[in-house]
Amino acid sequence: MEKGSTFVDADAIIALNAPNHSLFERAVKISGNIAKENRQIFTCTYTILEATTVANMHIKQGLGPFIAKSILNSPQITVISGDKFLKKGIEKMEGIKSKNVSLNDCVYFAIAESFGIKEIFSFDAHWTKNGFKLLS
């Protein structure tokens, strides 16, 4: 079976690492399906920054570094440098009318498009509004 590719967004990373999070059980189920299907997993350096900051500040002190190390040390996850896609992200942001889409999100869109990734592990609806399919 050919591997599918999935981009993992910060909200999914946070939900997976916070048992009291309202989306924890859904995140665990989706993560299990990704593993079962042996999907190729991508994320971004900016995603790591976003997830670790939120986790450390709002969930538990020390959780941020744990998440960052887990992602960086995982042989299953390809981490893409956001810096290489920053200009494309800015161009995308100029064309988006919603104030609820961050520059980080636009960089993630640019990465997903560049790698031909259509399926996203996230709970954020703005992915579908920009042509992607949520696994959630």
Protein backbone atom coordinates (compact mmCIF):
# COMPACT_ATOMS: atom_id res chain seq x y z
CA MET A 1 0.00 0.00 0.00
CA GLU A 2 1.29 3.46 -0.92
CA LYS A 3 1.84 5.72 2.05
CA GLY A 4 -0.41 8.73 2.35
CA SER A 5 0.98 11.98 3.73
CA THR A 6 -0.38 13.99 6.62
CA PHE A 7 0.57 17.42 7.95
CA VAL A 8 0.14 17.68 11.72
CA ASP A 9 -0.94 21.07 13.08
CA ALA A 10 -0.18 22.49 16.53
CA ASP A 11 -3.72 22.05 17.87
CA ALA A 12 -3.53 18.28 17.25
CA ILE A 13 -0.13 18.07 18.96
CA ILE A 14 -1.50 19.93 21.97
CA ALA A 15 -4.63 17.77 22.18
CA LEU A 16 -2.53 14.58 21.99
CA ASN A 17 -0.40 15.68 24.92
CA ALA A 18 -3.11 16.94 27.27
CA PRO A 19 -5.34 14.15 28.69
CA ASN A 20 -7.77 16.74 30.08
CA HIS A 21 -8.14 18.47 26.69
CA SER A 22 -11.66 18.25 25.22
CA LEU A 23 -10.24 16.79 21.98
CA PHE A 24 -7.80 14.34 23.59
CA GLU A 25 -9.77 11.16 22.81
CA ARG A 26 -10.42 12.20 19.20
CA ALA A 27 -6.76 13.12 18.79
CA VAL A 28 -5.63 9.74 20.14
CA LYS A 29 -8.01 7.91 17.79
CA ILE A 30 -6.85 9.90 14.74
CA SER A 31 -3.21 9.42 15.72
CA GLY A 32 -3.82 5.67 15.99
CA ASN A 33 -5.37 5.63 12.51
CA ILE A 34 -2.39 7.52 11.10
CA ALA A 35 -0.03 4.97 12.65
CA LYS A 36 -2.14 2.02 11.48
CA GLU A 37 -2.13 3.37 7.91
CA ASN A 38 1.64 3.95 8.13
CA ARG A 39 1.15 7.49 6.83
CA GLN A 40 4.11 9.76 6.19
CA ILE A 41 3.93 12.53 8.81
CA PHE A 42 5.07 16.11 8.26
CA THR A 43 5.11 19.12 10.53
CA CYS A 44 6.95 22.44 10.63
CA THR A 45 9.47 24.09 12.91
CA TYR A 46 6.89 26.83 13.47
CA THR A 47 4.33 24.20 14.50
CA ILE A 48 6.74 22.97 17.15
CA LEU A 49 7.23 26.52 18.42
CA GLU A 50 3.48 27.13 18.50
CA ALA A 51 2.60 23.83 20.22
CA THR A 52 5.38 23.96 22.80
CA THR A 53 4.62 27.55 23.76
CA VAL A 54 0.91 26.88 24.26
CA ALA A 55 1.57 23.61 26.11
CA ASN A 56 4.12 25.17 28.46
CA MET A 57 2.12 28.33 29.17
CA HIS A 58 -1.42 26.93 29.37
CA ILE A 59 -1.25 23.23 30.15
CA LYS A 60 1.81 22.29 32.18
CA GLN A 61 5.25 23.78 32.77
CA GLY A 62 7.81 21.42 31.20
CA LEU A 63 5.37 19.91 28.71
CA GLY A 64 6.67 22.17 25.91
CA PRO A 65 10.24 20.85 25.91
CA PHE A 66 8.93 17.29 26.17
CA ILE A 67 6.77 17.81 23.06
CA ALA A 68 9.60 19.46 21.12
CA LYS A 69 12.07 16.68 21.92
CA SER A 70 9.50 13.97 21.12
CA ILE A 71 8.83 15.44 17.69
CA LEU A 72 12.47 16.14 16.85
CA ASN A 73 13.56 12.65 17.95
CA SER A 74 10.79 10.80 16.12
CA PRO A 75 11.96 8.95 13.01
CA GLN A 76 8.33 8.91 11.78
CA ILE A 77 8.01 12.70 11.60
CA THR A 78 9.61 14.89 8.94
CA VAL A 79 10.11 18.41 10.27
CA ILE A 80 10.18 21.10 7.58
CA SER A 81 11.84 24.47 8.19
CA GLY A 82 9.22 27.19 8.15
CA ASP A 83 11.80 29.77 7.12
CA LYS A 84 11.98 28.30 3.62
CA PHE A 85 8.23 28.93 3.19
CA LEU A 86 7.86 32.27 4.93
CA LYS A 87 7.62 34.35 1.73
CA LYS A 88 5.04 31.96 0.25
CA GLY A 89 3.14 32.13 3.53
CA ILE A 90 3.08 35.92 3.42
CA GLU A 91 1.79 35.80 -0.17
CA LYS A 92 -0.95 33.37 0.90
CA MET A 93 -1.88 35.58 3.84
CA GLU A 94 -2.34 38.56 1.53
CA GLY A 95 -5.07 36.61 -0.30
CA ILE A 96 -6.97 35.41 2.77
CA LYS A 97 -9.77 37.61 4.00
CA SER A 98 -10.30 35.95 7.40
CA LYS A 99 -8.64 37.60 10.39
CA ASN A 100 -8.58 34.19 12.12
CA VAL A 101 -5.81 32.76 9.94
CA SER A 102 -2.31 33.41 11.22
CA LEU A 103 0.93 33.74 9.28
CA ASN A 104 1.95 30.41 10.81
CA ASP A 105 -1.16 28.84 9.26
CA CYS A 106 -0.32 30.34 5.88
CA VAL A 107 3.22 28.94 6.09
CA TYR A 108 1.71 25.52 6.89
CA PHE A 109 -0.61 25.83 3.86
CA ALA A 110 2.39 26.62 1.66
CA ILE A 111 4.31 23.62 3.00
CA ALA A 112 1.38 21.25 2.52
CA GLU A 113 0.84 22.47 -1.03
CA SER A 114 4.54 22.21 -1.89
CA PHE A 115 4.69 18.60 -0.67
CA GLY A 116 1.35 17.64 -2.23
CA ILE A 117 -0.21 16.98 1.18
CA LYS A 118 -4.01 17.11 1.11
CA GLU A 119 -4.88 15.55 4.48
CA ILE A 120 -4.31 17.43 7.70
CA PHE A 121 -4.39 16.32 11.32
CA SER A 122 -5.98 19.39 12.86
CA PHE A 123 -9.24 20.54 14.35
CA ASP A 124 -9.09 24.00 12.74
CA ALA A 125 -11.76 24.62 10.09
CA HIS A 126 -9.63 27.10 8.18
CA TRP A 127 -7.80 24.14 6.63
CA THR A 128 -10.95 23.00 4.81
CA LYS A 129 -11.69 26.56 3.76
CA ASN A 130 -8.30 26.53 2.04
CA GLY A 131 -8.74 23.30 0.10
CA PHE A 132 -7.48 20.64 2.51
CA LYS A 133 -9.19 17.65 4.12
CA LEU A 134 -9.17 17.27 7.90
CA LEU A 135 -8.62 13.81 9.32
CA SER A 136 -10.49 14.87 12.44
